[in-house]
Amino acid sequence: MMARPASIVAIVDDDPGVRGSLDSLIRSAGMGTLVFGNAEELLASNAQDRFGCIVTDLHMPGMSGLDLQAEIGRRGWRQPLIVMTAFPTDAARTHALDAGAAAFLAKPIDPDSLLDAIEAVMP
């Protein structure tokens, strides 16, 4: 049986170790995942009807998490976005949240905080 789109989380991070850890964590909480190595992969996948929220890194080569946030807005995607970063600044937090991010989390990610943020936004 395939999981409903609302119970699938898209993970976008350029670090394979982080992607793997997040994938395992989210799956252990009973949700499915789609995993992407960068923002461009997510956008090129045309998979927006297959997931209920996006968890993205802020700093990635190419398109950043904030650039991804702007692009999904331009495309009319409605999935909530959770932004995470190893380099949190007040300016980045304000920018992300003001642009509509559901949460802004600092790495290393606290597993409970991430799962709480995901559960709060999943339909």
PDB file of N, CA and C in Angstrom:
ATOM      1  N   MET A   1       0.849  -1.182   0.000  1.00  0.00           N
ATOM      2  CA  MET A   1       0.000   0.000   0.000  1.00  0.00           C
ATOM      3  C   MET A   1       0.891   1.240   0.000  1.00  0.00           C
ATOM      4  N   MET A   2       0.582   2.192  -0.856  1.00  0.00           N
ATOM      5  CA  MET A   2       1.373   3.422  -0.953  1.00  0.00           C
ATOM      6  C   MET A   2       0.836   4.456   0.040  1.00  0.00           C
ATOM      7  N   ALA A   3       1.744   5.192   0.660  1.00  0.00           N
ATOM      8  CA  ALA A   3       1.344   6.225   1.621  1.00  0.00           C
ATOM      9  C   ALA A   3       0.632   7.372   0.910  1.00  0.00           C
ATOM     10  N   ARG A   4      -0.321   7.971   1.603  1.00  0.00           N
ATOM     11  CA  ARG A   4      -1.001   9.158   1.058  1.00  0.00           C
ATOM     12  C   ARG A   4       0.020  10.274   0.910  1.00  0.00           C
ATOM     13  N   PRO A   5      -0.146  11.146  -0.099  1.00  0.00           N
ATOM     14  CA  PRO A   5       0.791  12.259  -0.260  1.00  0.00           C
ATOM     15  C   PRO A   5       0.941  13.089   1.009  1.00  0.00           C
ATOM     16  N   ALA A   6      -0.142  13.254   1.743  1.00  0.00           N
ATOM     17  CA  ALA A   6      -0.093  14.089   2.942  1.00  0.00           C
ATOM     18  C   ALA A   6       0.835  13.506   4.003  1.00  0.00           C
ATOM     19  N   SER A   7       1.136  12.203   3.930  1.00  0.00           N
ATOM     20  CA  SER A   7       1.995  11.591   4.947  1.00  0.00           C
ATOM     21  C   SER A   7       3.428  11.395   4.450  1.00  0.00           C
ATOM     22  N   ILE A   8       3.772  12.039   3.326  1.00  0.00           N
ATOM     23  CA  ILE A   8       5.116  11.932   2.764  1.00  0.00           C
ATOM     24  C   ILE A   8       5.822  13.281   2.881  1.00  0.00           C
ATOM     25  N   VAL A   9       7.079  13.238   3.325  1.00  0.00           N
ATOM     26  CA  VAL A   9       7.891  14.439   3.510  1.00  0.00           C
ATOM     27  C   VAL A   9       8.990  14.457   2.447  1.00  0.00           C
ATOM     28  N   ALA A  10       9.144  15.579   1.747  1.00  0.00           N
ATOM     29  CA  ALA A  10      10.262  15.767   0.821  1.00  0.00           C
ATOM     30  C   ALA A  10      11.438  16.324   1.613  1.00  0.00           C
ATOM     31  N   ILE A  11      12.582  15.666   1.515  1.00  0.00           N
ATOM     32  CA  ILE A  11      13.807  16.079   2.198  1.00  0.00           C
ATOM     33  C   ILE A  11      14.768  16.617   1.145  1.00  0.00           C
ATOM     34  N   VAL A  12      15.275  17.841   1.359  1.00  0.00           N
ATOM     35  CA  VAL A  12      16.219  18.451   0.418  1.00  0.00           C
ATOM     36  C   VAL A  12      17.461  18.885   1.197  1.00  0.00           C
ATOM     37  N   ASP A  13      18.587  18.193   0.954  1.00  0.00           N
ATOM     38  CA  ASP A  13      19.843  18.547   1.623  1.00  0.00           C
ATOM     39  C   ASP A  13      20.997  18.027   0.783  1.00  0.00           C
ATOM     40  N   ASP A  14      22.038  18.827   0.631  1.00  0.00           N
ATOM     41  CA  ASP A  14      23.186  18.422  -0.181  1.00  0.00           C
ATOM     42  C   ASP A  14      24.117  17.448   0.540  1.00  0.00           C
ATOM     43  N   ASP A  15      23.955  17.271   1.838  1.00  0.00           N
ATOM     44  CA  ASP A  15      24.807  16.370   2.612  1.00  0.00           C
ATOM     45  C   ASP A  15      24.157  14.983   2.678  1.00  0.00           C
ATOM     46  N   PRO A  16      24.789  13.962   2.070  1.00  0.00           N
ATOM     47  CA  PRO A  16      24.187  12.623   2.068  1.00  0.00           C
ATOM     48  C   PRO A  16      23.954  12.072   3.475  1.00  0.00           C
ATOM     49  N   GLY A  17      24.840  12.386   4.420  1.00  0.00           N
ATOM     50  CA  GLY A  17      24.667  11.914   5.786  1.00  0.00           C
ATOM     51  C   GLY A  17      23.430  12.502   6.441  1.00  0.00           C
ATOM     52  N   VAL A  18      23.208  13.786   6.222  1.00  0.00           N
ATOM     53  CA  VAL A  18      22.018  14.445   6.771  1.00  0.00           C
ATOM     54  C   VAL A  18      20.763  13.869   6.116  1.00  0.00           C
ATOM     55  N   ARG A  19      20.795  13.723   4.797  1.00  0.00           N
ATOM     56  CA  ARG A  19      19.640  13.149   4.094  1.00  0.00           C
ATOM     57  C   ARG A  19      19.290  11.778   4.661  1.00  0.00           C
ATOM     58  N   GLY A  20      20.315  10.947   4.839  1.00  0.00           N
ATOM     59  CA  GLY A  20      20.074   9.605   5.358  1.00  0.00           C
ATOM     60  C   GLY A  20      19.518   9.619   6.770  1.00  0.00           C
ATOM     61  N   SER A  21      20.069  10.479   7.612  1.00  0.00           N
ATOM     62  CA  SER A  21      19.587  10.576   8.997  1.00  0.00           C
ATOM     63  C   SER A  21      18.145  11.057   9.054  1.00  0.00           C
ATOM     64  N   LEU A  22      17.836  12.094   8.274  1.00  0.00           N
ATOM     65  CA  LEU A  22      16.468  12.611   8.261  1.00  0.00           C
ATOM     66  C   LEU A  22      15.505  11.579   7.698  1.00  0.00           C
ATOM     67  N   ASP A  23      15.922  10.885   6.646  1.00  0.00           N
ATOM     68  CA  ASP A  23      15.093   9.841   6.049  1.00  0.00           C
ATOM     69  C   ASP A  23      14.749   8.783   7.101  1.00  0.00           C
ATOM     70  N   SER A  24      15.755   8.300   7.828  1.00  0.00           N
ATOM     71  CA  SER A  24      15.529   7.282   8.860  1.00  0.00           C
ATOM     72  C   SER A  24      14.628   7.795   9.974  1.00  0.00           C
ATOM     73  N   LEU A  25      14.886   9.015  10.432  1.00  0.00           N
ATOM     74  CA  LEU A  25      14.093   9.597  11.516  1.00  0.00           C
ATOM     75  C   LEU A  25      12.625   9.719  11.119  1.00  0.00           C
ATOM     76  N   ILE A  26      12.373  10.287   9.960  1.00  0.00           N
ATOM     77  CA  ILE A  26      10.992  10.532   9.535  1.00  0.00           C
ATOM     78  C   ILE A  26      10.269   9.215   9.270  1.00  0.00           C
ATOM     79  N   ARG A  27      10.955   8.261   8.667  1.00  0.00           N
ATOM     80  CA  ARG A  27      10.343   6.949   8.438  1.00  0.00           C
ATOM     81  C   ARG A  27      10.048   6.240   9.763  1.00  0.00           C
ATOM     82  N   SER A  28      10.922   6.422  10.766  1.00  0.00           N
ATOM     83  CA  SER A  28      10.695   5.782  12.068  1.00  0.00           C
ATOM     84  C   SER A  28       9.449   6.335  12.749  1.00  0.00           C
ATOM     85  N   ALA A  29       9.031   7.539  12.336  1.00  0.00           N
ATOM     86  CA  ALA A  29       7.818   8.152  12.890  1.00  0.00           C
ATOM     87  C   ALA A  29       6.578   7.762  12.081  1.00  0.00           C
ATOM     88  N   GLY A  30       6.746   6.862  11.114  1.00  0.00           N
ATOM     89  CA  GLY A  30       5.601   6.350  10.371  1.00  0.00           C
ATOM     90  C   GLY A  30       5.228   7.126   9.123  1.00  0.00           C
ATOM     91  N   MET A  31       6.091   8.032   8.695  1.00  0.00           N
ATOM     92  CA  MET A  31       5.822   8.800   7.477  1.00  0.00           C
ATOM     93  C   MET A  31       6.743   8.321   6.365  1.00  0.00           C
ATOM     94  N   GLY A  32       6.345   8.570   5.134  1.00  0.00           N
ATOM     95  CA  GLY A  32       7.190   8.266   3.993  1.00  0.00           C
ATOM     96  C   GLY A  32       8.055   9.464   3.650  1.00  0.00           C
ATOM     97  N   THR A  33       9.043   9.243   2.796  1.00  0.00           N
ATOM     98  CA  THR A  33       9.931  10.326   2.382  1.00  0.00           C
ATOM     99  C   THR A  33      10.225  10.248   0.888  1.00  0.00           C
ATOM    100  N   LEU A  34      10.534  11.389   0.329  1.00  0.00           N
ATOM    101  CA  LEU A  34      11.162  11.519  -0.984  1.00  0.00           C
ATOM    102  C   LEU A  34      12.422  12.327  -0.721  1.00  0.00           C
ATOM    103  N   VAL A  35      13.573  11.869  -1.195  1.00  0.00           N
ATOM    104  CA  VAL A  35      14.846  12.477  -0.835  1.00  0.00           C
ATOM    105  C   VAL A  35      15.512  13.082  -2.072  1.00  0.00           C
ATOM    106  N   PHE A  36      15.982  14.331  -1.931  1.00  0.00           N
ATOM    107  CA  PHE A  36      16.603  15.069  -3.030  1.00  0.00           C
ATOM    108  C   PHE A  36      17.920  15.672  -2.563  1.00  0.00           C
ATOM    109  N   GLY A  37      18.942  15.639  -3.419  1.00  0.00           N
ATOM    110  CA  GLY A  37      20.262  16.151  -3.087  1.00  0.00           C
ATOM    111  C   GLY A  37      20.404  17.650  -3.220  1.00  0.00           C
ATOM    112  N   ASN A  38      19.442  18.287  -3.882  1.00  0.00           N
ATOM    113  CA  ASN A  38      19.461  19.747  -4.008  1.00  0.00           C
ATOM    114  C   ASN A  38      18.082  20.238  -4.428  1.00  0.00           C
ATOM    115  N   ALA A  39      17.913  21.537  -4.385  1.00  0.00           N
ATOM    116  CA  ALA A  39      16.615  22.138  -4.697  1.00  0.00           C
ATOM    117  C   ALA A  39      16.224  21.896  -6.149  1.00  0.00           C
ATOM    118  N   GLU A  40      17.204  21.944  -7.028  1.00  0.00           N
ATOM    119  CA  GLU A  40      16.915  21.746  -8.448  1.00  0.00           C
ATOM    120  C   GLU A  40      16.343  20.358  -8.717  1.00  0.00           C
ATOM    121  N   GLU A  41      16.839  19.333  -8.000  1.00  0.00           N
ATOM    122  CA  GLU A  41      16.300  17.976  -8.156  1.00  0.00           C
ATOM    123  C   GLU A  41      14.833  17.929  -7.748  1.00  0.00           C
ATOM    124  N   LEU A  42      14.508  18.572  -6.643  1.00  0.00           N
ATOM    125  CA  LEU A  42      13.114  18.606  -6.198  1.00  0.00           C
ATOM    126  C   LEU A  42      12.238  19.266  -7.255  1.00  0.00           C
ATOM    127  N   LEU A  43      12.651  20.417  -7.740  1.00  0.00           N
ATOM    128  CA  LEU A  43      11.846  21.149  -8.717  1.00  0.00           C
ATOM    129  C   LEU A  43      11.711  20.381 -10.027  1.00  0.00           C
ATOM    130  N   ALA A  44      12.767  19.713 -10.456  1.00  0.00           N
ATOM    131  CA  ALA A  44      12.736  18.962 -11.713  1.00  0.00           C
ATOM    132  C   ALA A  44      11.911  17.686 -11.605  1.00  0.00           C
ATOM    133  N   SER A  45      11.672  17.220 -10.384  1.00  0.00           N
ATOM    134  CA  SER A  45      10.963  15.952 -10.191  1.00  0.00           C
ATOM    135  C   SER A  45       9.486  16.035 -10.548  1.00  0.00           C
ATOM    136  N   ASN A  46       8.933  17.246 -10.536  1.00  0.00           N
ATOM    137  CA  ASN A  46       7.489  17.413 -10.734  1.00  0.00           C
ATOM    138  C   ASN A  46       6.693  16.484  -9.820  1.00  0.00           C
ATOM    139  N   ALA A  47       7.182  16.303  -8.612  1.00  0.00           N
ATOM    140  CA  ALA A  47       6.567  15.384  -7.654  1.00  0.00           C
ATOM    141  C   ALA A  47       5.728  16.108  -6.611  1.00  0.00           C
ATOM    142  N   GLN A  48       5.378  17.370  -6.862  1.00  0.00           N
ATOM    143  CA  GLN A  48       4.713  18.162  -5.831  1.00  0.00           C
ATOM    144  C   GLN A  48       3.389  17.571  -5.362  1.00  0.00           C
ATOM    145  N   ASP A  49       2.778  16.708  -6.162  1.00  0.00           N
ATOM    146  CA  ASP A  49       1.525  16.083  -5.732  1.00  0.00           C
ATOM    147  C   ASP A  49       1.775  14.823  -4.908  1.00  0.00           C
ATOM    148  N   ARG A  50       3.044  14.525  -4.628  1.00  0.00           N
ATOM    149  CA  ARG A  50       3.380  13.292  -3.926  1.00  0.00           C
ATOM    150  C   ARG A  50       3.804  13.498  -2.478  1.00  0.00           C
ATOM    151  N   PHE A  51       3.843  14.742  -1.983  1.00  0.00           N
ATOM    152  CA  PHE A  51       4.270  14.952  -0.602  1.00  0.00           C
ATOM    153  C   PHE A  51       3.471  16.069   0.049  1.00  0.00           C
ATOM    154  N   GLY A  52       3.457  16.027   1.401  1.00  0.00           N
ATOM    155  CA  GLY A  52       2.673  16.983   2.165  1.00  0.00           C
ATOM    156  C   GLY A  52       3.463  18.131   2.755  1.00  0.00           C
ATOM    157  N   CYS A  53       4.788  18.007   2.847  1.00  0.00           N
ATOM    158  CA  CYS A  53       5.622  19.115   3.316  1.00  0.00           C
ATOM    159  C   CYS A  53       7.051  18.918   2.834  1.00  0.00           C
ATOM    160  N   ILE A  54       7.832  19.991   2.918  1.00  0.00           N
ATOM    161  CA  ILE A  54       9.221  19.990   2.468  1.00  0.00           C
ATOM    162  C   ILE A  54      10.110  20.383   3.646  1.00  0.00           C
ATOM    163  N   VAL A  55      11.155  19.589   3.882  1.00  0.00           N
ATOM    164  CA  VAL A  55      12.191  19.930   4.856  1.00  0.00           C
ATOM    165  C   VAL A  55      13.448  20.209   4.044  1.00  0.00           C
ATOM    166  N   THR A  56      13.963  21.433   4.117  1.00  0.00           N
ATOM    167  CA  THR A  56      15.114  21.805   3.293  1.00  0.00           C
ATOM    168  C   THR A  56      16.231  22.456   4.092  1.00  0.00           C
ATOM    169  N   ASP A  57      17.448  22.197   3.636  1.00  0.00           N
ATOM    170  CA  ASP A  57      18.610  22.899   4.167  1.00  0.00           C
ATOM    171  C   ASP A  57      18.575  24.332   3.645  1.00  0.00           C
ATOM    172  N   LEU A  58      19.141  25.251   4.389  1.00  0.00           N
ATOM    173  CA  LEU A  58      19.202  26.645   3.958  1.00  0.00           C
ATOM    174  C   LEU A  58      20.357  26.869   2.984  1.00  0.00           C
ATOM    175  N   HIS A  59      21.551  26.398   3.350  1.00  0.00           N
ATOM    176  CA  HIS A  59      22.750  26.646   2.537  1.00  0.00           C
ATOM    177  C   HIS A  59      23.101  25.404   1.727  1.00  0.00           C
ATOM    178  N   MET A  60      22.928  25.493   0.409  1.00  0.00           N
ATOM    179  CA  MET A  60      23.276  24.406  -0.507  1.00  0.00           C
ATOM    180  C   MET A  60      23.915  25.016  -1.747  1.00  0.00           C
ATOM    181  N   PRO A  61      24.775  24.253  -2.422  1.00  0.00           N
ATOM    182  CA  PRO A  61      25.306  24.743  -3.700  1.00  0.00           C
ATOM    183  C   PRO A  61      24.162  24.959  -4.688  1.00  0.00           C
ATOM    184  N   GLY A  62      24.307  25.929  -5.549  1.00  0.00           N
ATOM    185  CA  GLY A  62      23.226  26.220  -6.490  1.00  0.00           C
ATOM    186  C   GLY A  62      22.129  26.985  -5.780  1.00  0.00           C
ATOM    187  N   MET A  63      20.930  26.488  -5.865  1.00  0.00           N
ATOM    188  CA  MET A  63      19.767  27.145  -5.279  1.00  0.00           C
ATOM    189  C   MET A  63      19.726  26.910  -3.767  1.00  0.00           C
ATOM    190  N   SER A  64      19.654  27.982  -3.000  1.00  0.00           N
ATOM    191  CA  SER A  64      19.579  27.867  -1.541  1.00  0.00           C
ATOM    192  C   SER A  64      18.157  27.504  -1.110  1.00  0.00           C
ATOM    193  N   GLY A  65      18.015  27.205   0.176  1.00  0.00           N
ATOM    194  CA  GLY A  65      16.685  26.934   0.709  1.00  0.00           C
ATOM    195  C   GLY A  65      15.752  28.127   0.571  1.00  0.00           C
ATOM    196  N   LEU A  66      16.285  29.351   0.735  1.00  0.00           N
ATOM    197  CA  LEU A  66      15.450  30.548   0.565  1.00  0.00           C
ATOM    198  C   LEU A  66      15.061  30.739  -0.896  1.00  0.00           C
ATOM    199  N   ASP A  67      15.991  30.425  -1.819  1.00  0.00           N
ATOM    200  CA  ASP A  67      15.653  30.483  -3.244  1.00  0.00           C
ATOM    201  C   ASP A  67      14.575  29.451  -3.575  1.00  0.00           C
ATOM    202  N   LEU A  68      14.700  28.261  -2.998  1.00  0.00           N
ATOM    203  CA  LEU A  68      13.691  27.218  -3.202  1.00  0.00           C
ATOM    204  C   LEU A  68      12.341  27.691  -2.690  1.00  0.00           C
ATOM    205  N   GLN A  69      12.344  28.313  -1.524  1.00  0.00           N
ATOM    206  CA  GLN A  69      11.104  28.825  -0.949  1.00  0.00           C
ATOM    207  C   GLN A  69      10.435  29.811  -1.904  1.00  0.00           C
ATOM    208  N   ALA A  70      11.208  30.715  -2.471  1.00  0.00           N
ATOM    209  CA  ALA A  70      10.659  31.691  -3.415  1.00  0.00           C
ATOM    210  C   ALA A  70      10.132  30.999  -4.671  1.00  0.00           C
ATOM    211  N   GLU A  71      10.865  30.011  -5.161  1.00  0.00           N
ATOM    212  CA  GLU A  71      10.461  29.331  -6.400  1.00  0.00           C
ATOM    213  C   GLU A  71       9.193  28.507  -6.212  1.00  0.00           C
ATOM    214  N   ILE A  72       9.069  27.811  -5.087  1.00  0.00           N
ATOM    215  CA  ILE A  72       7.839  27.035  -4.907  1.00  0.00           C
ATOM    216  C   ILE A  72       6.642  27.971  -4.752  1.00  0.00           C
ATOM    217  N   GLY A  73       6.875  29.149  -4.182  1.00  0.00           N
ATOM    218  CA  GLY A  73       5.811  30.153  -4.121  1.00  0.00           C
ATOM    219  C   GLY A  73       5.401  30.618  -5.504  1.00  0.00           C
ATOM    220  N   ARG A  74       6.390  30.879  -6.366  1.00  0.00           N
ATOM    221  CA  ARG A  74       6.095  31.293  -7.747  1.00  0.00           C
ATOM    222  C   ARG A  74       5.330  30.213  -8.499  1.00  0.00           C
ATOM    223  N   ARG A  75       5.646  28.961  -8.200  1.00  0.00           N
ATOM    224  CA  ARG A  75       4.991  27.843  -8.886  1.00  0.00           C
ATOM    225  C   ARG A  75       3.614  27.526  -8.308  1.00  0.00           C
ATOM    226  N   GLY A  76       3.283  28.158  -7.204  1.00  0.00           N
ATOM    227  CA  GLY A  76       1.975  27.927  -6.599  1.00  0.00           C
ATOM    228  C   GLY A  76       1.878  26.661  -5.765  1.00  0.00           C
ATOM    229  N   TRP A  77       3.010  26.087  -5.389  1.00  0.00           N
ATOM    230  CA  TRP A  77       2.974  24.909  -4.530  1.00  0.00           C
ATOM    231  C   TRP A  77       2.469  25.332  -3.155  1.00  0.00           C
ATOM    232  N   ARG A  78       1.687  24.497  -2.534  1.00  0.00           N
ATOM    233  CA  ARG A  78       1.068  24.839  -1.251  1.00  0.00           C
ATOM    234  C   ARG A  78       1.677  24.111  -0.055  1.00  0.00           C
ATOM    235  N   GLN A  79       2.641  23.239  -0.297  1.00  0.00           N
ATOM    236  CA  GLN A  79       3.212  22.474   0.811  1.00  0.00           C
ATOM    237  C   GLN A  79       3.979  23.383   1.764  1.00  0.00           C
ATOM    238  N   PRO A  80       3.790  23.165   3.068  1.00  0.00           N
ATOM    239  CA  PRO A  80       4.563  23.917   4.057  1.00  0.00           C
ATOM    240  C   PRO A  80       6.051  23.586   3.934  1.00  0.00           C
ATOM    241  N   LEU A  81       6.885  24.561   4.261  1.00  0.00           N
ATOM    242  CA  LEU A  81       8.338  24.422   4.159  1.00  0.00           C
ATOM    243  C   LEU A  81       8.956  24.584   5.539  1.00  0.00           C
ATOM    244  N   ILE A  82       9.804  23.635   5.904  1.00  0.00           N
ATOM    245  CA  ILE A  82      10.574  23.706   7.142  1.00  0.00           C
ATOM    246  C   ILE A  82      12.032  23.896   6.738  1.00  0.00           C
ATOM    247  N   VAL A  83      12.645  24.982   7.214  1.00  0.00           N
ATOM    248  CA  VAL A  83      14.018  25.323   6.850  1.00  0.00           C
ATOM    249  C   VAL A  83      14.940  24.959   8.008  1.00  0.00           C
ATOM    250  N   MET A  84      16.075  24.329   7.677  1.00  0.00           N
ATOM    251  CA  MET A  84      17.061  23.984   8.700  1.00  0.00           C
ATOM    252  C   MET A  84      18.432  24.449   8.233  1.00  0.00           C
ATOM    253  N   THR A  85      19.286  24.794   9.199  1.00  0.00           N
ATOM    254  CA  THR A  85      20.621  25.276   8.843  1.00  0.00           C
ATOM    255  C   THR A  85      21.613  25.059   9.974  1.00  0.00           C
ATOM    256  N   ALA A  86      22.866  24.842   9.593  1.00  0.00           N
ATOM    257  CA  ALA A  86      23.949  24.766  10.572  1.00  0.00           C
ATOM    258  C   ALA A  86      24.480  26.153  10.912  1.00  0.00           C
ATOM    259  N   PHE A  87      24.012  27.161  10.161  1.00  0.00           N
ATOM    260  CA  PHE A  87      24.494  28.538  10.344  1.00  0.00           C
ATOM    261  C   PHE A  87      23.320  29.491  10.552  1.00  0.00           C
ATOM    262  N   PRO A  88      22.586  29.322  11.668  1.00  0.00           N
ATOM    263  CA  PRO A  88      21.408  30.163  11.876  1.00  0.00           C
ATOM    264  C   PRO A  88      21.786  31.610  12.189  1.00  0.00           C
ATOM    265  N   THR A  89      21.120  32.518  11.521  1.00  0.00           N
ATOM    266  CA  THR A  89      21.269  33.944  11.831  1.00  0.00           C
ATOM    267  C   THR A  89      19.872  34.515  12.013  1.00  0.00           C
ATOM    268  N   ASP A  90      19.786  35.604  12.754  1.00  0.00           N
ATOM    269  CA  ASP A  90      18.487  36.245  12.927  1.00  0.00           C
ATOM    270  C   ASP A  90      17.928  36.705  11.591  1.00  0.00           C
ATOM    271  N   ALA A  91      18.798  37.215  10.704  1.00  0.00           N
ATOM    272  CA  ALA A  91      18.341  37.700   9.398  1.00  0.00           C
ATOM    273  C   ALA A  91      17.759  36.565   8.560  1.00  0.00           C
ATOM    274  N   ALA A  92      18.431  35.413   8.543  1.00  0.00           N
ATOM    275  CA  ALA A  92      17.927  34.276   7.762  1.00  0.00           C
ATOM    276  C   ALA A  92      16.618  33.761   8.345  1.00  0.00           C
ATOM    277  N   ARG A  93      16.555  33.674   9.676  1.00  0.00           N
ATOM    278  CA  ARG A  93      15.321  33.220  10.335  1.00  0.00           C
ATOM    279  C   ARG A  93      14.163  34.152   9.984  1.00  0.00           C
ATOM    280  N   THR A  94      14.391  35.441  10.113  1.00  0.00           N
ATOM    281  CA  THR A  94      13.343  36.418   9.816  1.00  0.00           C
ATOM    282  C   THR A  94      12.910  36.325   8.363  1.00  0.00           C
ATOM    283  N   HIS A  95      13.878  36.250   7.456  1.00  0.00           N
ATOM    284  CA  HIS A  95      13.560  36.165   6.028  1.00  0.00           C
ATOM    285  C   HIS A  95      12.716  34.927   5.733  1.00  0.00           C
ATOM    286  N   ALA A  96      13.145  33.771   6.232  1.00  0.00           N
ATOM    287  CA  ALA A  96      12.431  32.520   5.969  1.00  0.00           C
ATOM    288  C   ALA A  96      11.020  32.548   6.547  1.00  0.00           C
ATOM    289  N   LEU A  97      10.894  32.959   7.795  1.00  0.00           N
ATOM    290  CA  LEU A  97       9.577  32.961   8.437  1.00  0.00           C
ATOM    291  C   LEU A  97       8.659  34.014   7.828  1.00  0.00           C
ATOM    292  N   ASP A  98       9.204  35.195   7.517  1.00  0.00           N
ATOM    293  CA  ASP A  98       8.384  36.238   6.888  1.00  0.00           C
ATOM    294  C   ASP A  98       7.908  35.817   5.502  1.00  0.00           C
ATOM    295  N   ALA A  99       8.698  34.983   4.820  1.00  0.00           N
ATOM    296  CA  ALA A  99       8.325  34.511   3.482  1.00  0.00           C
ATOM    297  C   ALA A  99       7.394  33.302   3.542  1.00  0.00           C
ATOM    298  N   GLY A 100       7.071  32.857   4.762  1.00  0.00           N
ATOM    299  CA  GLY A 100       6.075  31.804   4.893  1.00  0.00           C
ATOM    300  C   GLY A 100       6.559  30.454   5.368  1.00  0.00           C
ATOM    301  N   ALA A 101       7.836  30.318   5.725  1.00  0.00           N
ATOM    302  CA  ALA A 101       8.305  29.033   6.247  1.00  0.00           C
ATOM    303  C   ALA A 101       7.532  28.692   7.519  1.00  0.00           C
ATOM    304  N   ALA A 102       7.217  27.422   7.671  1.00  0.00           N
ATOM    305  CA  ALA A 102       6.469  26.974   8.843  1.00  0.00           C
ATOM    306  C   ALA A 102       7.355  26.891  10.080  1.00  0.00           C
ATOM    307  N   ALA A 103       8.649  26.630   9.870  1.00  0.00           N
ATOM    308  CA  ALA A 103       9.585  26.521  10.994  1.00  0.00           C
ATOM    309  C   ALA A 103      10.998  26.775  10.492  1.00  0.00           C
ATOM    310  N   PHE A 104      11.864  27.194  11.406  1.00  0.00           N
ATOM    311  CA  PHE A 104      13.278  27.450  11.115  1.00  0.00           C
ATOM    312  C   PHE A 104      14.057  26.763  12.224  1.00  0.00           C
ATOM    313  N   LEU A 105      14.801  25.711  11.892  1.00  0.00           N
ATOM    314  CA  LEU A 105      15.478  24.896  12.892  1.00  0.00           C
ATOM    315  C   LEU A 105      16.988  24.922  12.695  1.00  0.00           C
ATOM    316  N   ALA A 106      17.722  24.954  13.799  1.00  0.00           N
ATOM    317  CA  ALA A 106      19.185  24.940  13.753  1.00  0.00           C
ATOM    318  C   ALA A 106      19.697  23.503  13.783  1.00  0.00           C
ATOM    319  N   LYS A 107      20.746  23.251  12.976  1.00  0.00           N
ATOM    320  CA  LYS A 107      21.443  21.969  13.031  1.00  0.00           C
ATOM    321  C   LYS A 107      22.513  22.063  14.106  1.00  0.00           C
ATOM    322  N   PRO A 108      22.878  21.016  14.802  1.00  0.00           N
ATOM    323  CA  PRO A 108      22.299  19.701  14.600  1.00  0.00           C
ATOM    324  C   PRO A 108      20.832  19.686  15.019  1.00  0.00           C
ATOM    325  N   ILE A 109      20.050  18.991  14.227  1.00  0.00           N
ATOM    326  CA  ILE A 109      18.603  18.966  14.423  1.00  0.00           C
ATOM    327  C   ILE A 109      18.247  18.135  15.646  1.00  0.00           C
ATOM    328  N   ASP A 110      17.406  18.695  16.488  1.00  0.00           N
ATOM    329  CA  ASP A 110      16.820  17.937  17.587  1.00  0.00           C
ATOM    330  C   ASP A 110      15.695  17.101  16.982  1.00  0.00           C
ATOM    331  N   PRO A 111      15.776  15.772  17.055  1.00  0.00           N
ATOM    332  CA  PRO A 111      14.769  14.935  16.402  1.00  0.00           C
ATOM    333  C   PRO A 111      13.334  15.261  16.807  1.00  0.00           C
ATOM    334  N   ASP A 112      13.103  15.470  18.101  1.00  0.00           N
ATOM    335  CA  ASP A 112      11.742  15.765  18.552  1.00  0.00           C
ATOM    336  C   ASP A 112      11.241  17.093  17.996  1.00  0.00           C
ATOM    337  N   SER A 113      12.105  18.091  17.938  1.00  0.00           N
ATOM    338  CA  SER A 113      11.697  19.392  17.390  1.00  0.00           C
ATOM    339  C   SER A 113      11.323  19.276  15.920  1.00  0.00           C
ATOM    340  N   LEU A 114      12.106  18.513  15.152  1.00  0.00           N
ATOM    341  CA  LEU A 114      11.789  18.337  13.738  1.00  0.00           C
ATOM    342  C   LEU A 114      10.480  17.585  13.564  1.00  0.00           C
ATOM    343  N   LEU A 115      10.315  16.487  14.273  1.00  0.00           N
ATOM    344  CA  LEU A 115       9.073  15.714  14.137  1.00  0.00           C
ATOM    345  C   LEU A 115       7.867  16.533  14.587  1.00  0.00           C
ATOM    346  N   ASP A 116       8.021  17.313  15.653  1.00  0.00           N
ATOM    347  CA  ASP A 116       6.923  18.187  16.093  1.00  0.00           C
ATOM    348  C   ASP A 116       6.575  19.199  15.007  1.00  0.00           C
ATOM    349  N   ALA A 117       7.592  19.786  14.373  1.00  0.00           N
ATOM    350  CA  ALA A 117       7.349  20.770  13.312  1.00  0.00           C
ATOM    351  C   ALA A 117       6.642  20.124  12.126  1.00  0.00           C
ATOM    352  N   ILE A 118       7.075  18.922  11.752  1.00  0.00           N
ATOM    353  CA  ILE A 118       6.437  18.223  10.633  1.00  0.00           C
ATOM    354  C   ILE A 118       4.992  17.894  10.972  1.00  0.00           C
ATOM    355  N   GLU A 119       4.772  17.317  12.143  1.00  0.00           N
ATOM    356  CA  GLU A 119       3.414  16.929  12.528  1.00  0.00           C
ATOM    357  C   GLU A 119       2.491  18.135  12.627  1.00  0.00           C
ATOM    358  N   ALA A 120       3.037  19.297  12.989  1.00  0.00           N
ATOM    359  CA  ALA A 120       2.219  20.508  13.109  1.00  0.00           C
ATOM    360  C   ALA A 120       1.725  21.010  11.756  1.00  0.00           C
ATOM    361  N   VAL A 121       2.455  20.705  10.678  1.00  0.00           N
ATOM    362  CA  VAL A 121       2.074  21.248   9.370  1.00  0.00           C
ATOM    363  C   VAL A 121       1.470  20.227   8.422  1.00  0.00           C
ATOM    364  N   MET A 122       1.592  18.953   8.731  1.00  0.00           N
ATOM    365  CA  MET A 122       1.061  17.945   7.820  1.00  0.00           C
ATOM    366  C   MET A 122      -0.460  17.985   7.837  1.00  0.00           C
ATOM    367  N   PRO A 123      -1.051  17.894   6.648  1.00  0.00           N
ATOM    368  CA  PRO A 123      -2.530  17.927   6.590  1.00  0.00           C
ATOM    369  C   PRO A 123      -3.149  16.723   7.268  1.00  0.00           C
TER     370      PRO A 123
END
